[in-house]
Amino acid sequence: MILSESINLRWGAKTDSDLITTLNPGDVVKYDAFSKHDGYVWLRQVRDNGQFGYLASGECDNSGKRTSIWGKFE
């Protein structure tokens, strides 16, 4: 995914999880899994140390249908 705006990368797939860093527009994010919960579509990124980071890639409705996207998938 190529980000279109700044997005927080977190230790967990929740908006209140601890922040790892903020990614910037144009950054390319490689991910290995996704989930839809709490109103967001979350991507899981494998970190260099083998741990995972999580970022919201857009919003979804209660049924899990994506309603927005904060970047471009290629």
PDB file of N, CA and C in Angstrom:
ATOM      1  N   MET A   1       0.848  -1.167   0.000  1.00  0.00           N
ATOM      2  CA  MET A   1       0.000   0.000   0.000  1.00  0.00           C
ATOM      3  C   MET A   1       0.894   1.231   0.000  1.00  0.00           C
ATOM      4  N   ILE A   2       0.554   2.214  -0.813  1.00  0.00           N
ATOM      5  CA  ILE A   2       1.247   3.505  -0.812  1.00  0.00           C
ATOM      6  C   ILE A   2       0.338   4.496  -0.093  1.00  0.00           C
ATOM      7  N   LEU A   3       0.824   5.067   0.991  1.00  0.00           N
ATOM      8  CA  LEU A   3      -0.002   5.939   1.822  1.00  0.00           C
ATOM      9  C   LEU A   3      -0.278   7.273   1.142  1.00  0.00           C
ATOM     10  N   SER A   4      -1.496   7.772   1.331  1.00  0.00           N
ATOM     11  CA  SER A   4      -1.862   9.085   0.805  1.00  0.00           C
ATOM     12  C   SER A   4      -1.888  10.148   1.902  1.00  0.00           C
ATOM     13  N   GLU A   5      -1.718   9.724   3.135  1.00  0.00           N
ATOM     14  CA  GLU A   5      -1.683  10.664   4.270  1.00  0.00           C
ATOM     15  C   GLU A   5      -0.884  10.052   5.410  1.00  0.00           C
ATOM     16  N   SER A   6      -0.604  10.844   6.409  1.00  0.00           N
ATOM     17  CA  SER A   6       0.137  10.348   7.572  1.00  0.00           C
ATOM     18  C   SER A   6      -0.738   9.383   8.361  1.00  0.00           C
ATOM     19  N   ILE A   7      -0.146   8.252   8.775  1.00  0.00           N
ATOM     20  CA  ILE A   7      -0.866   7.223   9.521  1.00  0.00           C
ATOM     21  C   ILE A   7       0.033   6.722  10.641  1.00  0.00           C
ATOM     22  N   ASN A   8      -0.545   6.549  11.816  1.00  0.00           N
ATOM     23  CA  ASN A   8       0.213   6.039  12.963  1.00  0.00           C
ATOM     24  C   ASN A   8       0.393   4.524  12.858  1.00  0.00           C
ATOM     25  N   LEU A   9       1.617   4.077  13.070  1.00  0.00           N
ATOM     26  CA  LEU A   9       1.933   2.663  13.166  1.00  0.00           C
ATOM     27  C   LEU A   9       1.987   2.331  14.652  1.00  0.00           C
ATOM     28  N   ARG A  10       1.235   1.309  15.068  1.00  0.00           N
ATOM     29  CA  ARG A  10       1.077   1.003  16.487  1.00  0.00           C
ATOM     30  C   ARG A  10       1.465  -0.442  16.791  1.00  0.00           C
ATOM     31  N   TRP A  11       1.684  -0.740  18.079  1.00  0.00           N
ATOM     32  CA  TRP A  11       2.034  -2.092  18.522  1.00  0.00           C
ATOM     33  C   TRP A  11       0.841  -3.024  18.495  1.00  0.00           C
ATOM     34  N   GLY A  12      -0.357  -2.506  18.503  1.00  0.00           N
ATOM     35  CA  GLY A  12      -1.575  -3.314  18.453  1.00  0.00           C
ATOM     36  C   GLY A  12      -2.572  -2.700  17.493  1.00  0.00           C
ATOM     37  N   ALA A  13      -3.559  -3.476  17.095  1.00  0.00           N
ATOM     38  CA  ALA A  13      -4.568  -3.020  16.138  1.00  0.00           C
ATOM     39  C   ALA A  13      -5.722  -2.333  16.861  1.00  0.00           C
ATOM     40  N   LYS A  14      -5.367  -1.289  17.609  1.00  0.00           N
ATOM     41  CA  LYS A  14      -6.334  -0.458  18.320  1.00  0.00           C
ATOM     42  C   LYS A  14      -5.809   0.974  18.322  1.00  0.00           C
ATOM     43  N   THR A  15      -6.707   1.932  18.277  1.00  0.00           N
ATOM     44  CA  THR A  15      -6.282   3.328  18.231  1.00  0.00           C
ATOM     45  C   THR A  15      -5.596   3.786  19.509  1.00  0.00           C
ATOM     46  N   ASP A  16      -5.781   3.049  20.604  1.00  0.00           N
ATOM     47  CA  ASP A  16      -5.119   3.433  21.853  1.00  0.00           C
ATOM     48  C   ASP A  16      -3.871   2.600  22.146  1.00  0.00           C
ATOM     49  N   SER A  17      -3.457   1.745  21.211  1.00  0.00           N
ATOM     50  CA  SER A  17      -2.211   0.992  21.381  1.00  0.00           C
ATOM     51  C   SER A  17      -1.021   1.935  21.280  1.00  0.00           C
ATOM     52  N   ASP A  18       0.078   1.562  21.918  1.00  0.00           N
ATOM     53  CA  ASP A  18       1.264   2.406  21.918  1.00  0.00           C
ATOM     54  C   ASP A  18       1.765   2.661  20.496  1.00  0.00           C
ATOM     55  N   LEU A  19       2.215   3.876  20.275  1.00  0.00           N
ATOM     56  CA  LEU A  19       2.706   4.331  18.975  1.00  0.00           C
ATOM     57  C   LEU A  19       4.137   3.848  18.741  1.00  0.00           C
ATOM     58  N   ILE A  20       4.384   3.308  17.551  1.00  0.00           N
ATOM     59  CA  ILE A  20       5.747   2.965  17.133  1.00  0.00           C
ATOM     60  C   ILE A  20       6.352   4.163  16.407  1.00  0.00           C
ATOM     61  N   THR A  21       5.626   4.657  15.402  1.00  0.00           N
ATOM     62  CA  THR A  21       6.065   5.802  14.614  1.00  0.00           C
ATOM     63  C   THR A  21       4.887   6.308  13.792  1.00  0.00           C
ATOM     64  N   THR A  22       5.059   7.440  13.153  1.00  0.00           N
ATOM     65  CA  THR A  22       4.063   7.944  12.214  1.00  0.00           C
ATOM     66  C   THR A  22       4.635   7.802  10.815  1.00  0.00           C
ATOM     67  N   LEU A  23       3.884   7.129   9.956  1.00  0.00           N
ATOM     68  CA  LEU A  23       4.274   6.944   8.558  1.00  0.00           C
ATOM     69  C   LEU A  23       3.766   8.141   7.755  1.00  0.00           C
ATOM     70  N   ASN A  24       4.440   8.464   6.666  1.00  0.00           N
ATOM     71  CA  ASN A  24       4.145   9.671   5.900  1.00  0.00           C
ATOM     72  C   ASN A  24       3.546   9.367   4.536  1.00  0.00           C
ATOM     73  N   PRO A  25       2.861  10.358   3.942  1.00  0.00           N
ATOM     74  CA  PRO A  25       2.345  10.172   2.587  1.00  0.00           C
ATOM     75  C   PRO A  25       3.483   9.761   1.644  1.00  0.00           C
ATOM     76  N   GLY A  26       3.194   8.789   0.783  1.00  0.00           N
ATOM     77  CA  GLY A  26       4.196   8.285  -0.148  1.00  0.00           C
ATOM     78  C   GLY A  26       4.952   7.071   0.369  1.00  0.00           C
ATOM     79  N   ASP A  27       4.906   6.824   1.683  1.00  0.00           N
ATOM     80  CA  ASP A  27       5.558   5.635   2.235  1.00  0.00           C
ATOM     81  C   ASP A  27       4.872   4.379   1.691  1.00  0.00           C
ATOM     82  N   VAL A  28       5.672   3.357   1.424  1.00  0.00           N
ATOM     83  CA  VAL A  28       5.150   2.077   0.953  1.00  0.00           C
ATOM     84  C   VAL A  28       5.108   1.115   2.133  1.00  0.00           C
ATOM     85  N   VAL A  29       3.947   0.539   2.376  1.00  0.00           N
ATOM     86  CA  VAL A  29       3.758  -0.379   3.493  1.00  0.00           C
ATOM     87  C   VAL A  29       3.541  -1.784   2.938  1.00  0.00           C
ATOM     88  N   LYS A  30       4.401  -2.699   3.337  1.00  0.00           N
ATOM     89  CA  LYS A  30       4.200  -4.108   3.020  1.00  0.00           C
ATOM     90  C   LYS A  30       3.529  -4.744   4.227  1.00  0.00           C
ATOM     91  N   TYR A  31       2.510  -5.569   3.970  1.00  0.00           N
ATOM     92  CA  TYR A  31       1.765  -6.177   5.065  1.00  0.00           C
ATOM     93  C   TYR A  31       1.502  -7.638   4.755  1.00  0.00           C
ATOM     94  N   ASP A  32       1.247  -8.416   5.795  1.00  0.00           N
ATOM     95  CA  ASP A  32       1.023  -9.845   5.601  1.00  0.00           C
ATOM     96  C   ASP A  32      -0.353 -10.306   6.048  1.00  0.00           C
ATOM     97  N   ALA A  33      -1.132  -9.420   6.647  1.00  0.00           N
ATOM     98  CA  ALA A  33      -2.470  -9.786   7.101  1.00  0.00           C
ATOM     99  C   ALA A  33      -3.288  -8.515   7.315  1.00  0.00           C
ATOM    100  N   PHE A  34      -4.605  -8.694   7.375  1.00  0.00           N
ATOM    101  CA  PHE A  34      -5.479  -7.565   7.679  1.00  0.00           C
ATOM    102  C   PHE A  34      -6.644  -8.051   8.522  1.00  0.00           C
ATOM    103  N   SER A  35      -7.295  -7.099   9.179  1.00  0.00           N
ATOM    104  CA  SER A  35      -8.520  -7.403   9.934  1.00  0.00           C
ATOM    105  C   SER A  35      -9.425  -6.185   9.879  1.00  0.00           C
ATOM    106  N   LYS A  36     -10.694  -6.422  10.102  1.00  0.00           N
ATOM    107  CA  LYS A  36     -11.683  -5.343  10.101  1.00  0.00           C
ATOM    108  C   LYS A  36     -12.379  -5.357  11.453  1.00  0.00           C
ATOM    109  N   HIS A  37     -12.134  -4.330  12.260  1.00  0.00           N
ATOM    110  CA  HIS A  37     -12.802  -4.232  13.556  1.00  0.00           C
ATOM    111  C   HIS A  37     -12.713  -2.810  14.087  1.00  0.00           C
ATOM    112  N   ASP A  38     -13.617  -2.506  14.999  1.00  0.00           N
ATOM    113  CA  ASP A  38     -13.663  -1.188  15.655  1.00  0.00           C
ATOM    114  C   ASP A  38     -13.734  -0.031  14.669  1.00  0.00           C
ATOM    115  N   GLY A  39     -14.340  -0.271  13.492  1.00  0.00           N
ATOM    116  CA  GLY A  39     -14.550   0.799  12.526  1.00  0.00           C
ATOM    117  C   GLY A  39     -13.404   1.038  11.563  1.00  0.00           C
ATOM    118  N   TYR A  40     -12.357   0.188  11.606  1.00  0.00           N
ATOM    119  CA  TYR A  40     -11.196   0.376  10.735  1.00  0.00           C
ATOM    120  C   TYR A  40     -10.793  -0.930  10.057  1.00  0.00           C
ATOM    121  N   VAL A  41     -10.109  -0.785   8.929  1.00  0.00           N
ATOM    122  CA  VAL A  41      -9.448  -1.909   8.283  1.00  0.00           C
ATOM    123  C   VAL A  41      -7.979  -1.805   8.670  1.00  0.00           C
ATOM    124  N   TRP A  42      -7.509  -2.771   9.451  1.00  0.00           N
ATOM    125  CA  TRP A  42      -6.149  -2.765   9.985  1.00  0.00           C
ATOM    126  C   TRP A  42      -5.230  -3.637   9.143  1.00  0.00           C
ATOM    127  N   LEU A  43      -4.016  -3.172   8.907  1.00  0.00           N
ATOM    128  CA  LEU A  43      -2.990  -3.954   8.231  1.00  0.00           C
ATOM    129  C   LEU A  43      -1.927  -4.342   9.250  1.00  0.00           C
ATOM    130  N   ARG A  44      -1.380  -5.541   9.109  1.00  0.00           N
ATOM    131  CA  ARG A  44      -0.298  -5.993   9.987  1.00  0.00           C
ATOM    132  C   ARG A  44       1.010  -5.965   9.196  1.00  0.00           C
ATOM    133  N   GLN A  45       1.985  -5.254   9.725  1.00  0.00           N
ATOM    134  CA  GLN A  45       3.291  -5.107   9.086  1.00  0.00           C
ATOM    135  C   GLN A  45       4.336  -5.876   9.895  1.00  0.00           C
ATOM    136  N   VAL A  46       5.096  -6.718   9.209  1.00  0.00           N
ATOM    137  CA  VAL A  46       6.200  -7.409   9.874  1.00  0.00           C
ATOM    138  C   VAL A  46       7.351  -6.423  10.022  1.00  0.00           C
ATOM    139  N   ARG A  47       7.836  -6.267  11.245  1.00  0.00           N
ATOM    140  CA  ARG A  47       8.942  -5.347  11.527  1.00  0.00           C
ATOM    141  C   ARG A  47      10.266  -6.075  11.330  1.00  0.00           C
ATOM    142  N   ASP A  48      11.350  -5.330  11.189  1.00  0.00           N
ATOM    143  CA  ASP A  48      12.676  -5.906  10.979  1.00  0.00           C
ATOM    144  C   ASP A  48      13.090  -6.846  12.107  1.00  0.00           C
ATOM    145  N   ASN A  49      12.582  -6.598  13.315  1.00  0.00           N
ATOM    146  CA  ASN A  49      12.954  -7.424  14.469  1.00  0.00           C
ATOM    147  C   ASN A  49      12.053  -8.655  14.630  1.00  0.00           C
ATOM    148  N   GLY A  50      11.167  -8.896  13.645  1.00  0.00           N
ATOM    149  CA  GLY A  50      10.278 -10.051  13.700  1.00  0.00           C
ATOM    150  C   GLY A  50       8.983  -9.792  14.435  1.00  0.00           C
ATOM    151  N   GLN A  51       8.854  -8.637  15.071  1.00  0.00           N
ATOM    152  CA  GLN A  51       7.604  -8.269  15.727  1.00  0.00           C
ATOM    153  C   GLN A  51       6.664  -7.662  14.687  1.00  0.00           C
ATOM    154  N   PHE A  52       5.476  -7.262  15.114  1.00  0.00           N
ATOM    155  CA  PHE A  52       4.490  -6.711  14.195  1.00  0.00           C
ATOM    156  C   PHE A  52       4.101  -5.298  14.583  1.00  0.00           C
ATOM    157  N   GLY A  53       3.777  -4.502  13.575  1.00  0.00           N
ATOM    158  CA  GLY A  53       3.177  -3.196  13.749  1.00  0.00           C
ATOM    159  C   GLY A  53       1.834  -3.211  13.045  1.00  0.00           C
ATOM    160  N   TYR A  54       0.931  -2.343  13.466  1.00  0.00           N
ATOM    161  CA  TYR A  54      -0.417  -2.314  12.909  1.00  0.00           C
ATOM    162  C   TYR A  54      -0.782  -0.883  12.536  1.00  0.00           C
ATOM    163  N   LEU A  55      -1.468  -0.732  11.397  1.00  0.00           N
ATOM    164  CA  LEU A  55      -1.928   0.582  10.996  1.00  0.00           C
ATOM    165  C   LEU A  55      -3.320   0.482  10.406  1.00  0.00           C
ATOM    166  N   ALA A  56      -4.119   1.489  10.685  1.00  0.00           N
ATOM    167  CA  ALA A  56      -5.444   1.572  10.080  1.00  0.00           C
ATOM    168  C   ALA A  56      -5.258   2.082   8.656  1.00  0.00           C
ATOM    169  N   SER A  57      -5.872   1.382   7.688  1.00  0.00           N
ATOM    170  CA  SER A  57      -5.720   1.764   6.280  1.00  0.00           C
ATOM    171  C   SER A  57      -6.962   2.441   5.735  1.00  0.00           C
ATOM    172  N   GLY A  58      -7.970   2.594   6.567  1.00  0.00           N
ATOM    173  CA  GLY A  58      -9.221   3.229   6.185  1.00  0.00           C
ATOM    174  C   GLY A  58     -10.308   2.797   7.150  1.00  0.00           C
ATOM    175  N   GLU A  59     -11.503   3.264   6.888  1.00  0.00           N
ATOM    176  CA  GLU A  59     -12.630   2.965   7.764  1.00  0.00           C
ATOM    177  C   GLU A  59     -13.507   1.883   7.141  1.00  0.00           C
ATOM    178  N   CYS A  60     -14.279   1.211   8.017  1.00  0.00           N
ATOM    179  CA  CYS A  60     -15.261   0.236   7.548  1.00  0.00           C
ATOM    180  C   CYS A  60     -16.528   0.380   8.378  1.00  0.00           C
ATOM    181  N   ASP A  61     -17.634  -0.115   7.821  1.00  0.00           N
ATOM    182  CA  ASP A  61     -18.898  -0.043   8.559  1.00  0.00           C
ATOM    183  C   ASP A  61     -19.033  -1.269   9.471  1.00  0.00           C
ATOM    184  N   ASN A  62     -20.144  -1.373  10.159  1.00  0.00           N
ATOM    185  CA  ASN A  62     -20.351  -2.461  11.123  1.00  0.00           C
ATOM    186  C   ASN A  62     -20.336  -3.848  10.489  1.00  0.00           C
ATOM    187  N   SER A  63     -20.644  -3.916   9.191  1.00  0.00           N
ATOM    188  CA  SER A  63     -20.627  -5.214   8.507  1.00  0.00           C
ATOM    189  C   SER A  63     -19.245  -5.565   7.970  1.00  0.00           C
ATOM    190  N   GLY A  64     -18.281  -4.648   8.115  1.00  0.00           N
ATOM    191  CA  GLY A  64     -16.919  -4.890   7.634  1.00  0.00           C
ATOM    192  C   GLY A  64     -16.652  -4.373   6.242  1.00  0.00           C
ATOM    193  N   LYS A  65     -17.628  -3.706   5.631  1.00  0.00           N
ATOM    194  CA  LYS A  65     -17.432  -3.147   4.289  1.00  0.00           C
ATOM    195  C   LYS A  65     -16.599  -1.873   4.381  1.00  0.00           C
ATOM    196  N   ARG A  66     -15.526  -1.833   3.593  1.00  0.00           N
ATOM    197  CA  ARG A  66     -14.656  -0.653   3.586  1.00  0.00           C
ATOM    198  C   ARG A  66     -15.433   0.559   3.099  1.00  0.00           C
ATOM    199  N   THR A  67     -15.296   1.692   3.823  1.00  0.00           N
ATOM    200  CA  THR A  67     -15.974   2.932   3.437  1.00  0.00           C
ATOM    201  C   THR A  67     -14.991   4.033   3.054  1.00  0.00           C
ATOM    202  N   SER A  68     -13.714   3.845   3.372  1.00  0.00           N
ATOM    203  CA  SER A  68     -12.676   4.797   2.951  1.00  0.00           C
ATOM    204  C   SER A  68     -11.343   4.073   2.874  1.00  0.00           C
ATOM    205  N   ILE A  69     -10.412   4.686   2.175  1.00  0.00           N
ATOM    206  CA  ILE A  69      -9.078   4.125   2.040  1.00  0.00           C
ATOM    207  C   ILE A  69      -8.076   5.281   2.091  1.00  0.00           C
ATOM    208  N   TRP A  70      -6.990   5.093   2.825  1.00  0.00           N
ATOM    209  CA  TRP A  70      -6.011   6.154   3.031  1.00  0.00           C
ATOM    210  C   TRP A  70      -4.724   5.862   2.278  1.00  0.00           C
ATOM    211  N   GLY A  71      -4.868   5.408   1.054  1.00  0.00           N
ATOM    212  CA  GLY A  71      -3.719   5.106   0.218  1.00  0.00           C
ATOM    213  C   GLY A  71      -4.157   4.356  -1.014  1.00  0.00           C
ATOM    214  N   LYS A  72      -3.170   3.761  -1.676  1.00  0.00           N
ATOM    215  CA  LYS A  72      -3.411   3.059  -2.934  1.00  0.00           C
ATOM    216  C   LYS A  72      -2.792   1.679  -2.857  1.00  0.00           C
ATOM    217  N   PHE A  73      -3.583   0.661  -3.175  1.00  0.00           N
ATOM    218  CA  PHE A  73      -3.069  -0.699  -3.217  1.00  0.00           C
ATOM    219  C   PHE A  73      -2.610  -0.997  -4.642  1.00  0.00           C
ATOM    220  N   GLU A  74      -1.445  -1.598  -4.751  1.00  0.00           N
ATOM    221  CA  GLU A  74      -0.925  -1.973  -6.079  1.00  0.00           C
ATOM    222  C   GLU A  74      -0.632  -3.438  -6.132  1.00  0.00           C
TER     223      GLU A  74
END
